[in-house]
Amino acid sequence: MKYFLILVLCLLTISPSCKKSSGSMTYMNTATITGQDLTMTPCSGGYFISIDGISAISRFYTLPAASNIDLTTATFPINVKLNWHHPAGDPSPCNVIIVDAIVKN
């Protein structure tokens, strides 16, 4: 019994110092999804997004599967935090981006 109590006291002393990883994602930008692009131009389709710090309004076609944002039932505008990149590393003439990770802000 004495060894059991020592073991329990040791575990109680050590366990608060153990840290769980936060698992939180860091996002590179904040942005606002303003709505669906319904224009009839060569660059139409997808959704408009205004990324903070970037003057041009961009658009994207899909969100990552892990996203909990349903664009078909959403009420716009939606404030978000996101990670993104340009296709093939170069800006497209239509300002299309690929969203890597996104969460409502």
Protein backbone atom coordinates (compact mmCIF):
# COMPACT_ATOMS: atom_id res chain seq x y z
CA MET A 1 0.00 0.00 0.00
CA LYS A 2 2.86 2.34 0.79
CA TYR A 3 4.30 1.91 -2.74
CA PHE A 4 0.90 2.52 -4.28
CA LEU A 5 0.54 5.84 -2.42
CA ILE A 6 4.05 6.89 -3.49
CA LEU A 7 3.21 6.06 -7.10
CA VAL A 8 -0.04 8.04 -6.94
CA LEU A 9 1.71 11.03 -5.38
CA CYS A 10 4.41 10.93 -8.07
CA LEU A 11 1.80 10.79 -10.85
CA LEU A 12 -0.14 13.66 -9.31
CA THR A 13 3.05 15.72 -9.12
CA ILE A 14 4.19 14.97 -12.67
CA SER A 15 0.87 15.05 -14.58
CA PRO A 16 0.20 18.84 -14.36
CA SER A 17 3.54 19.51 -16.03
CA CYS A 18 2.58 17.47 -19.08
CA LYS A 19 1.31 19.68 -21.88
CA LYS A 20 -1.00 18.69 -24.66
CA SER A 21 -0.21 20.08 -28.08
CA SER A 22 -2.53 22.94 -28.87
CA GLY A 23 -3.31 21.61 -32.35
CA SER A 24 -4.31 25.11 -33.37
CA MET A 25 -3.77 26.18 -36.93
CA THR A 26 -2.16 29.50 -37.74
CA TYR A 27 -3.73 31.37 -40.61
CA MET A 28 -1.87 33.77 -42.87
CA ASN A 29 -4.75 36.12 -43.74
CA THR A 30 -8.18 37.30 -42.75
CA ALA A 31 -10.74 37.78 -45.49
CA THR A 32 -14.39 38.24 -46.34
CA ILE A 33 -16.30 35.94 -48.68
CA THR A 34 -18.72 38.35 -50.31
CA GLY A 35 -20.82 35.96 -52.38
CA GLN A 36 -21.12 33.86 -55.50
CA ASP A 37 -19.76 35.16 -58.81
CA LEU A 38 -22.77 35.14 -61.15
CA THR A 39 -21.25 37.33 -63.86
CA MET A 40 -21.17 36.08 -67.44
CA THR A 41 -17.52 36.73 -68.31
CA PRO A 42 -14.60 34.46 -69.23
CA CYS A 43 -13.47 34.69 -65.60
CA SER A 44 -16.87 34.03 -64.00
CA GLY A 45 -17.77 31.32 -61.54
CA GLY A 46 -16.87 30.46 -57.99
CA TYR A 47 -17.08 32.86 -55.05
CA PHE A 48 -15.68 36.35 -54.53
CA ILE A 49 -13.27 36.81 -51.63
CA SER A 50 -11.66 40.01 -50.44
CA ILE A 51 -8.38 39.20 -48.68
CA ASP A 52 -7.14 41.79 -46.18
CA GLY A 53 -3.94 43.47 -47.37
CA ILE A 54 -4.52 42.59 -51.04
CA SER A 55 -6.13 45.24 -53.20
CA ALA A 56 -7.57 42.97 -55.91
CA ILE A 57 -10.71 40.96 -55.20
CA SER A 58 -10.01 37.28 -55.80
CA ARG A 59 -12.23 34.30 -56.38
CA PHE A 60 -12.11 30.63 -55.48
CA TYR A 61 -14.06 27.62 -56.70
CA THR A 62 -14.05 25.18 -53.78
CA LEU A 63 -13.24 24.97 -50.09
CA PRO A 64 -11.21 22.20 -48.45
CA ALA A 65 -13.19 19.12 -47.43
CA ALA A 66 -12.32 19.75 -43.76
CA SER A 67 -14.04 23.15 -43.88
CA ASN A 68 -17.26 23.50 -41.90
CA ILE A 69 -18.51 26.32 -44.14
CA ASP A 70 -21.45 25.41 -46.37
CA LEU A 71 -21.51 27.99 -49.16
CA THR A 72 -24.84 26.79 -50.55
CA THR A 73 -26.73 27.79 -47.39
CA ALA A 74 -24.45 30.56 -46.09
CA THR A 75 -25.49 34.16 -45.54
CA PHE A 76 -22.94 36.52 -47.07
CA PRO A 77 -20.65 38.23 -46.21
CA ILE A 78 -18.67 35.66 -44.20
CA ASN A 79 -15.59 36.78 -42.27
CA VAL A 80 -12.91 34.09 -42.34
CA LYS A 81 -9.27 33.30 -41.60
CA LEU A 82 -7.51 31.32 -44.29
CA ASN A 83 -4.36 29.93 -45.85
CA TRP A 84 -4.24 30.06 -49.64
CA HIS A 85 -1.98 30.03 -52.67
CA HIS A 86 -2.11 30.82 -56.37
CA PRO A 87 -2.41 27.87 -58.76
CA ALA A 88 1.02 26.78 -60.02
CA GLY A 89 2.56 29.53 -57.88
CA ASP A 90 1.64 32.32 -60.32
CA PRO A 91 -1.28 34.74 -60.09
CA SER A 92 -3.91 33.92 -62.67
CA PRO A 93 -5.38 36.70 -64.86
CA CYS A 94 -8.75 36.01 -63.24
CA ASN A 95 -7.36 36.26 -59.67
CA VAL A 96 -8.29 32.68 -58.84
CA ILE A 97 -6.83 31.31 -55.63
CA ILE A 98 -6.78 27.88 -54.02
CA VAL A 99 -7.90 27.79 -50.40
CA ASP A 100 -5.75 25.41 -48.33
CA ALA A 101 -7.39 25.93 -44.91
CA ILE A 102 -10.26 28.12 -43.77
CA VAL A 103 -12.31 28.81 -40.67
CA LYS A 104 -15.03 31.34 -39.81
CA ASN A 105 -13.63 34.33 -37.99
